[in-house]
């Protein structure tokens, strides 16, 4: 649910202001709180993406390709060979 939907919801309930004179003020406060919350989430998402990119770059620098003997798994199977031997599946 986005900020616009929340504003619309509270806009529909504005007729209730006759019940409580504080309702319009409460709606304004909630609307501002929701807007600030959404802004914080967006800001944190941008920060998190930058952190993830930095971690990915750091891991990429330490990437070492394993030899076939080092890749061997249980039953002396090479995971890459197993993946390549799987049948192709078309979706659609």
N, C-alpha and C. Protein backbone atom coordinates (compact mmCIF):
# COMPACT_ATOMS: atom_id res chain seq x y z
N UNK A 1 0.86 -1.17 0.00
CA UNK A 1 0.00 0.00 0.00
C UNK A 1 0.90 1.22 0.00
N UNK A 2 0.67 2.11 -0.93
CA UNK A 2 1.49 3.30 -1.05
C UNK A 2 0.92 4.46 -0.28
N UNK A 3 1.67 5.53 -0.27
CA UNK A 3 1.25 6.73 0.45
C UNK A 3 -0.03 7.28 -0.14
N UNK A 4 -0.18 7.25 -1.46
CA UNK A 4 -1.38 7.79 -2.10
C UNK A 4 -2.63 7.03 -1.67
N UNK A 5 -2.52 5.72 -1.56
CA UNK A 5 -3.67 4.92 -1.14
C UNK A 5 -4.06 5.25 0.30
N UNK A 6 -3.06 5.48 1.15
CA UNK A 6 -3.34 5.81 2.54
C UNK A 6 -3.99 7.18 2.62
N UNK A 7 -3.51 8.14 1.83
CA UNK A 7 -4.14 9.46 1.81
C UNK A 7 -5.58 9.35 1.33
N UNK A 8 -5.82 8.52 0.33
CA UNK A 8 -7.17 8.33 -0.18
C UNK A 8 -8.08 7.74 0.89
N UNK A 9 -7.56 6.74 1.61
CA UNK A 9 -8.34 6.11 2.67
C UNK A 9 -8.74 7.14 3.72
N UNK A 10 -7.79 7.93 4.18
CA UNK A 10 -8.09 8.90 5.21
C UNK A 10 -8.92 10.05 4.66
N UNK A 11 -8.81 10.33 3.38
CA UNK A 11 -9.63 11.36 2.76
C UNK A 11 -11.10 10.96 2.77
N UNK A 12 -11.36 9.66 2.58
CA UNK A 12 -12.74 9.17 2.58
C UNK A 12 -13.33 9.27 3.98
N UNK A 13 -12.49 9.16 4.99
CA UNK A 13 -13.01 9.20 6.36
C UNK A 13 -13.08 10.62 6.90
N UNK A 14 -12.81 11.63 6.06
CA UNK A 14 -12.82 13.00 6.55
C UNK A 14 -14.21 13.46 6.97
N UNK A 15 -15.24 12.77 6.51
CA UNK A 15 -16.60 13.11 6.92
C UNK A 15 -16.82 12.84 8.40
N UNK A 16 -15.93 12.06 8.99
CA UNK A 16 -16.06 11.73 10.41
C UNK A 16 -15.58 12.86 11.32
N UNK A 17 -15.10 13.96 10.74
CA UNK A 17 -14.57 15.03 11.58
C UNK A 17 -15.63 15.64 12.48
N UNK A 18 -16.92 15.48 12.12
CA UNK A 18 -17.98 15.99 12.98
C UNK A 18 -18.09 15.18 14.26
N UNK A 19 -17.63 13.93 14.25
CA UNK A 19 -17.65 13.09 15.45
C UNK A 19 -16.59 13.55 16.44
N UNK A 20 -15.41 13.82 15.91
CA UNK A 20 -14.31 14.24 16.77
C UNK A 20 -13.60 15.42 16.12
N UNK A 21 -13.52 16.54 16.81
CA UNK A 21 -12.84 17.70 16.22
C UNK A 21 -11.34 17.47 16.04
N UNK A 22 -10.76 16.49 16.72
CA UNK A 22 -9.34 16.20 16.62
C UNK A 22 -9.02 15.26 15.47
N UNK A 23 -10.03 14.68 14.84
CA UNK A 23 -9.79 13.71 13.77
C UNK A 23 -8.99 14.29 12.60
N UNK A 24 -9.31 15.49 12.09
CA UNK A 24 -8.49 16.01 10.99
C UNK A 24 -7.01 16.16 11.38
N UNK A 25 -6.75 16.59 12.61
CA UNK A 25 -5.38 16.71 13.08
C UNK A 25 -4.72 15.35 13.17
N UNK A 26 -5.47 14.36 13.64
CA UNK A 26 -4.95 12.99 13.73
C UNK A 26 -4.64 12.44 12.34
N UNK A 27 -5.51 12.71 11.40
CA UNK A 27 -5.29 12.25 10.03
C UNK A 27 -4.04 12.90 9.46
N UNK A 28 -3.86 14.18 9.70
CA UNK A 28 -2.67 14.88 9.23
C UNK A 28 -1.42 14.28 9.84
N UNK A 29 -1.46 14.02 11.15
CA UNK A 29 -0.30 13.45 11.83
C UNK A 29 0.03 12.05 11.28
N UNK A 30 -0.97 11.23 11.10
CA UNK A 30 -0.76 9.87 10.57
C UNK A 30 -0.22 9.95 9.15
N UNK A 31 -0.77 10.85 8.35
CA UNK A 31 -0.31 11.02 6.98
C UNK A 31 1.17 11.42 6.94
N UNK A 32 1.55 12.34 7.79
CA UNK A 32 2.95 12.77 7.86
C UNK A 32 3.84 11.64 8.34
N UNK A 33 3.38 10.87 9.32
CA UNK A 33 4.17 9.76 9.85
C UNK A 33 4.38 8.69 8.77
N UNK A 34 3.34 8.41 8.01
CA UNK A 34 3.45 7.42 6.95
C UNK A 34 4.42 7.90 5.87
N UNK A 35 4.32 9.18 5.51
CA UNK A 35 5.22 9.74 4.50
C UNK A 35 6.67 9.65 4.97
N UNK A 36 6.93 10.00 6.23
CA UNK A 36 8.29 9.93 6.77
C UNK A 36 8.78 8.49 6.79
N UNK A 37 7.90 7.56 7.14
CA UNK A 37 8.27 6.15 7.19
C UNK A 37 8.66 5.64 5.80
N UNK A 38 7.88 5.99 4.80
CA UNK A 38 8.17 5.57 3.43
C UNK A 38 9.50 6.17 2.97
N UNK A 39 9.74 7.43 3.30
CA UNK A 39 11.01 8.06 2.93
C UNK A 39 12.19 7.36 3.59
N UNK A 40 12.04 6.96 4.86
CA UNK A 40 13.13 6.25 5.55
C UNK A 40 13.37 4.89 4.92
N UNK A 41 12.33 4.20 4.53
CA UNK A 41 12.49 2.89 3.90
C UNK A 41 13.21 3.03 2.56
N UNK A 42 12.82 4.02 1.77
CA UNK A 42 13.48 4.24 0.47
C UNK A 42 14.94 4.60 0.68
N UNK A 43 15.21 5.47 1.64
CA UNK A 43 16.59 5.86 1.92
C UNK A 43 17.43 4.66 2.37
N UNK A 44 16.86 3.82 3.23
CA UNK A 44 17.58 2.64 3.70
C UNK A 44 17.81 1.64 2.57
N UNK A 45 16.85 1.54 1.67
CA UNK A 45 17.01 0.63 0.52
C UNK A 45 18.19 1.07 -0.35
N UNK A 46 18.35 2.36 -0.53
CA UNK A 46 19.47 2.87 -1.33
C UNK A 46 20.78 2.57 -0.61
N UNK A 47 20.82 2.81 0.71
CA UNK A 47 22.03 2.51 1.49
C UNK A 47 22.36 1.02 1.43
N UNK A 48 21.34 0.19 1.60
CA UNK A 48 21.55 -1.26 1.60
C UNK A 48 22.08 -1.74 0.26
N UNK A 49 21.56 -1.17 -0.84
CA UNK A 49 22.03 -1.55 -2.17
C UNK A 49 23.51 -1.20 -2.33
N UNK A 50 23.91 -0.02 -1.82
CA UNK A 50 25.32 0.38 -1.89
C UNK A 50 26.19 -0.58 -1.08
N UNK A 51 25.72 -0.96 0.12
CA UNK A 51 26.46 -1.91 0.95
C UNK A 51 26.61 -3.25 0.25
N UNK A 52 25.52 -3.72 -0.37
CA UNK A 52 25.56 -5.01 -1.06
C UNK A 52 26.51 -4.96 -2.25
N UNK A 53 26.50 -3.84 -2.99
CA UNK A 53 27.41 -3.70 -4.12
C UNK A 53 28.86 -3.70 -3.66
N UNK A 54 29.14 -3.00 -2.55
CA UNK A 54 30.50 -2.97 -2.01
C UNK A 54 30.94 -4.36 -1.57
N UNK A 55 30.04 -5.10 -0.92
CA UNK A 55 30.37 -6.47 -0.50
C UNK A 55 30.62 -7.37 -1.71
N UNK A 56 29.81 -7.20 -2.74
CA UNK A 56 29.95 -8.01 -3.95
C UNK A 56 31.29 -7.72 -4.63
N UNK A 57 31.69 -6.45 -4.66
CA UNK A 57 32.98 -6.11 -5.24
C UNK A 57 34.12 -6.71 -4.43
N UNK A 58 33.98 -6.66 -3.12
CA UNK A 58 35.01 -7.21 -2.25
C UNK A 58 35.13 -8.72 -2.45
N UNK A 59 33.99 -9.40 -2.53
CA UNK A 59 34.00 -10.85 -2.74
C UNK A 59 34.54 -11.20 -4.12
N UNK A 60 34.23 -10.39 -5.10
CA UNK A 60 34.70 -10.64 -6.46
C UNK A 60 36.20 -10.59 -6.56
N UNK A 61 36.84 -9.74 -5.78
CA UNK A 61 38.30 -9.62 -5.81
C UNK A 61 38.96 -10.86 -5.22
N UNK A 62 38.27 -11.54 -4.33
CA UNK A 62 38.83 -12.73 -3.68
C UNK A 62 38.37 -14.02 -4.35
N UNK A 63 37.71 -13.93 -5.50
CA UNK A 63 37.19 -15.11 -6.18
C UNK A 63 38.34 -15.96 -6.71
N UNK A 64 38.28 -17.25 -6.36
CA UNK A 64 39.29 -18.19 -6.83
C UNK A 64 38.57 -19.35 -7.49
N UNK A 65 38.97 -19.66 -8.71
CA UNK A 65 38.35 -20.77 -9.41
C UNK A 65 38.95 -22.08 -8.89
N UNK A 66 38.07 -23.03 -8.58
CA UNK A 66 38.51 -24.31 -8.04
C UNK A 66 38.82 -25.29 -9.16
N UNK A 67 39.77 -26.15 -8.91
CA UNK A 67 40.07 -27.20 -9.88
C UNK A 67 38.97 -28.25 -9.79
N UNK A 68 38.95 -29.15 -10.77
CA UNK A 68 37.92 -30.19 -10.79
C UNK A 68 37.99 -31.06 -9.54
N UNK A 69 39.18 -31.35 -9.06
CA UNK A 69 39.33 -32.18 -7.86
C UNK A 69 38.76 -31.47 -6.63
N UNK A 70 38.93 -30.16 -6.57
CA UNK A 70 38.42 -29.40 -5.42
C UNK A 70 36.91 -29.24 -5.46
N UNK A 71 36.32 -29.29 -6.65
CA UNK A 71 34.88 -29.15 -6.80
C UNK A 71 34.13 -30.44 -6.50
N UNK A 72 34.80 -31.57 -6.50
CA UNK A 72 34.12 -32.86 -6.35
C UNK A 72 33.28 -32.90 -5.09
N UNK A 73 32.07 -33.37 -5.28
CA UNK A 73 31.14 -33.49 -4.16
C UNK A 73 30.95 -34.93 -3.77
N UNK A 74 29.88 -35.21 -3.04
CA UNK A 74 29.58 -36.59 -2.62
C UNK A 74 29.42 -37.50 -3.84
N UNK A 75 29.95 -38.68 -3.74
CA UNK A 75 29.87 -39.65 -4.83
C UNK A 75 30.78 -39.29 -5.98
N UNK A 76 31.79 -38.46 -5.73
CA UNK A 76 32.73 -38.01 -6.76
C UNK A 76 32.03 -37.39 -7.97
N UNK A 77 31.00 -36.61 -7.71
CA UNK A 77 30.28 -35.92 -8.77
C UNK A 77 30.73 -34.45 -8.81
N UNK A 78 30.96 -33.95 -10.01
CA UNK A 78 31.32 -32.55 -10.20
C UNK A 78 30.01 -31.77 -10.37
N UNK A 79 29.70 -30.83 -9.48
CA UNK A 79 28.44 -30.10 -9.57
C UNK A 79 28.25 -29.41 -10.92
N UNK A 80 29.31 -28.90 -11.52
CA UNK A 80 29.18 -28.24 -12.82
C UNK A 80 28.77 -29.23 -13.91
N UNK A 81 29.36 -30.42 -13.88
CA UNK A 81 28.99 -31.44 -14.86
C UNK A 81 27.54 -31.88 -14.67
N UNK A 82 27.12 -31.98 -13.40
CA UNK A 82 25.73 -32.37 -13.12
C UNK A 82 24.78 -31.31 -13.68
N UNK A 83 25.06 -30.03 -13.43
CA UNK A 83 24.20 -28.96 -13.94
C UNK A 83 24.13 -28.96 -15.46
N UNK A 84 25.27 -29.18 -16.10
CA UNK A 84 25.30 -29.18 -17.56
C UNK A 84 24.59 -30.38 -18.14
N UNK A 85 24.52 -31.49 -17.40
CA UNK A 85 23.88 -32.70 -17.90
C UNK A 85 22.36 -32.68 -17.73
N UNK A 86 21.82 -31.72 -16.97
CA UNK A 86 20.37 -31.67 -16.77
C UNK A 86 19.68 -31.30 -18.07
N UNK A 87 18.49 -31.86 -18.32
CA UNK A 87 17.78 -31.55 -19.56
C UNK A 87 17.29 -30.09 -19.56
N UNK A 88 17.25 -29.51 -20.73
CA UNK A 88 16.76 -28.14 -20.89
C UNK A 88 15.24 -28.14 -20.77
N UNK A 89 14.72 -27.18 -20.02
CA UNK A 89 13.29 -27.06 -19.82
C UNK A 89 12.83 -25.72 -20.38
N UNK A 90 11.81 -25.77 -21.21
CA UNK A 90 11.28 -24.53 -21.75
C UNK A 90 9.99 -24.19 -21.01
N UNK A 91 9.89 -22.98 -20.57
CA UNK A 91 8.70 -22.52 -19.85
C UNK A 91 7.91 -21.62 -20.80
N UNK A 92 6.67 -21.94 -20.92
CA UNK A 92 5.87 -21.05 -21.77
C UNK A 92 4.83 -21.69 -22.49
